């Protein structure tokens, strides 16, 4: 009886390890098939990315699109949410990360709005469009 349970245990452990390694291998293959270019730093580009209408246009867009969470309004929250994101070669916004959040759903709402943003004029180096990492604050005032 002990021999059978020992064999079953070894079989189960072997199969579990086999499944885990197969899953890890499949993920590695999937990730290597999708090549991501590294984003340039904003300081390294010759022409910086620009929102249509400049920063004034950006803040107008945010003002129209941003829906203040109810809890933030109730608590009269004021301050800044800091976001980091990639502006792709085609001007689209990607990989939005909340760097500093004040809570109350404000960071998530700011990220949602940024993802809805129209295409920016992309950055370039030597006349060639490049991906660039960008970060900026969004002022919150209830």
Protein backbone atom coordinates (compact mmCIF):
# COMPACT_ATOMS: atom_id res chain seq x y z
CA UNK A 1 0.00 0.00 0.00
CA UNK A 2 2.81 2.42 0.88
CA UNK A 3 4.51 1.61 -2.42
CA UNK A 4 1.35 2.47 -4.39
CA UNK A 5 0.81 5.77 -2.56
CA UNK A 6 4.50 6.61 -2.98
CA UNK A 7 4.26 5.93 -6.73
CA UNK A 8 1.07 7.98 -6.98
CA UNK A 9 2.68 10.85 -5.10
CA UNK A 10 5.76 10.77 -7.34
CA UNK A 11 3.55 10.60 -10.43
CA UNK A 12 1.48 13.56 -9.27
CA UNK A 13 4.59 15.62 -8.47
CA UNK A 14 6.16 14.72 -11.83
CA UNK A 15 3.00 15.64 -13.76
CA UNK A 16 2.64 18.92 -11.86
CA UNK A 17 6.25 19.89 -12.61
CA UNK A 18 5.81 18.88 -16.23
CA UNK A 19 2.69 21.05 -16.57
CA UNK A 20 4.36 24.03 -14.89
CA UNK A 21 7.45 23.84 -17.08
CA UNK A 22 5.33 23.47 -20.23
CA UNK A 23 3.28 26.51 -19.23
CA UNK A 24 6.44 28.54 -18.57
CA UNK A 25 7.93 27.51 -21.92
CA UNK A 26 4.76 28.47 -23.77
CA UNK A 27 4.78 31.92 -22.16
CA UNK A 28 8.42 32.45 -23.04
CA UNK A 29 7.76 31.59 -26.69
CA UNK A 30 4.74 33.89 -26.79
CA UNK A 31 6.67 36.81 -25.30
CA UNK A 32 9.67 36.37 -27.58
CA UNK A 33 7.40 36.39 -30.64
CA UNK A 34 6.13 39.85 -29.69
CA UNK A 35 9.15 42.10 -29.82
CA UNK A 36 8.84 45.35 -27.95
CA UNK A 37 11.23 48.12 -28.74
CA UNK A 38 12.64 49.97 -25.82
CA UNK A 39 11.17 53.42 -25.33
CA UNK A 40 13.48 56.40 -25.68
CA UNK A 41 13.84 58.84 -22.83
CA UNK A 42 12.19 62.20 -23.37
CA UNK A 43 15.52 63.99 -22.90
CA UNK A 44 17.09 61.95 -25.75
CA UNK A 45 14.64 62.91 -28.50
CA UNK A 46 15.09 65.81 -30.89
CA UNK A 47 11.39 66.51 -31.34
CA UNK A 48 9.24 65.87 -28.28
CA UNK A 49 5.78 64.33 -28.58
CA UNK A 50 2.89 66.76 -28.53
CA UNK A 51 -0.81 66.46 -27.83
CA UNK A 52 -3.04 68.02 -30.53
CA UNK A 53 -3.41 71.62 -29.37
CA UNK A 54 -0.41 71.40 -27.02
CA UNK A 55 -0.66 71.09 -23.25
CA UNK A 56 -3.60 73.51 -23.15
CA UNK A 57 -5.43 71.17 -25.52
CA UNK A 58 -4.47 68.21 -23.33
CA UNK A 59 -5.83 69.79 -20.17
CA UNK A 60 -9.04 70.81 -21.98
CA UNK A 61 -9.43 67.20 -23.13
CA UNK A 62 -8.87 65.92 -19.59
CA UNK A 63 -11.33 68.48 -18.18
CA UNK A 64 -14.07 67.35 -20.60
CA UNK A 65 -13.42 63.62 -20.28
CA UNK A 66 -12.56 63.21 -16.58
CA UNK A 67 -15.45 61.98 -14.40
CA UNK A 68 -14.80 62.89 -10.78
CA UNK A 69 -15.41 59.86 -8.52
CA UNK A 70 -18.19 60.50 -5.99
CA UNK A 71 -16.00 59.77 -2.95
CA UNK A 72 -13.37 62.26 -4.14
CA UNK A 73 -16.07 64.93 -4.50
CA UNK A 74 -17.49 64.17 -1.05
CA UNK A 75 -14.04 64.47 0.52
CA UNK A 76 -13.10 67.59 -1.48
CA UNK A 77 -9.82 66.03 -2.58
CA UNK A 78 -7.19 68.28 -4.16
CA UNK A 79 -3.74 67.46 -5.47
CA UNK A 80 -1.99 65.72 -8.34
CA UNK A 81 -2.11 62.28 -9.90
CA UNK A 82 1.15 61.41 -11.67
CA UNK A 83 1.03 59.14 -14.72
CA UNK A 84 3.71 57.55 -16.87
CA UNK A 85 2.98 56.21 -20.34
CA UNK A 86 4.46 55.40 -23.73
CA UNK A 87 3.70 57.46 -26.82
CA UNK A 88 4.09 55.04 -29.70
CA UNK A 89 5.57 55.76 -33.13
CA UNK A 90 2.04 56.25 -34.47
CA UNK A 91 1.18 58.71 -31.67
CA UNK A 92 -1.06 56.36 -29.71
CA UNK A 93 -0.84 56.15 -25.91
CA UNK A 94 0.14 52.81 -24.40
CA UNK A 95 1.38 51.24 -21.14
CA UNK A 96 -0.22 53.75 -18.76
CA UNK A 97 1.12 53.47 -15.21
CA UNK A 98 -0.08 55.40 -12.17
CA UNK A 99 3.03 56.70 -10.40
CA UNK A 100 1.31 58.62 -7.61
CA UNK A 101 -2.33 58.26 -6.69
CA UNK A 102 -4.39 60.14 -4.11
CA UNK A 103 -6.92 57.33 -3.78
CA UNK A 104 -10.69 57.55 -4.22
CA UNK A 105 -10.36 56.08 -7.74
CA UNK A 106 -8.67 59.23 -9.06
CA UNK A 107 -5.61 57.44 -10.46
CA UNK A 108 -7.75 54.88 -12.27
CA UNK A 109 -9.94 57.61 -13.72
CA UNK A 110 -6.91 59.62 -14.88
CA UNK A 111 -5.46 56.48 -16.52
CA UNK A 112 -8.81 55.78 -18.21
CA UNK A 113 -8.94 59.30 -19.63
CA UNK A 114 -5.35 59.11 -20.87
CA UNK A 115 -6.10 55.85 -22.70
CA UNK A 116 -8.95 57.66 -24.52
CA UNK A 117 -6.64 60.42 -25.66
CA UNK A 118 -6.42 61.15 -29.39
CA UNK A 119 -3.13 60.40 -31.08
CA UNK A 120 -0.22 62.64 -30.21
CA UNK A 121 2.37 63.91 -32.67
CA UNK A 122 5.10 61.31 -32.02
CA UNK A 123 8.65 62.03 -30.92
CA UNK A 124 11.52 61.70 -33.35
CA UNK A 125 15.27 61.25 -33.45
CA UNK A 126 17.13 62.03 -36.70
CA UNK A 127 13.80 62.42 -38.48
CA UNK A 128 12.70 58.91 -37.46
CA UNK A 129 9.66 58.39 -35.25
CA UNK A 130 10.42 56.69 -31.93
CA UNK A 131 8.54 55.36 -28.93
CA UNK A 132 9.04 57.62 -25.95
CA UNK A 133 8.29 57.37 -22.26
CA UNK A 134 6.38 60.38 -20.98
CA UNK A 135 5.16 61.33 -17.53
CA UNK A 136 3.01 64.17 -16.33
CA UNK A 137 0.83 65.30 -13.45
CA UNK A 138 -2.91 65.77 -13.67
CA UNK A 139 -4.24 68.38 -11.24
CA UNK A 140 -7.33 67.33 -9.29
CA UNK A 141 -9.59 69.93 -7.74
CA UNK A 142 -13.10 69.16 -6.49
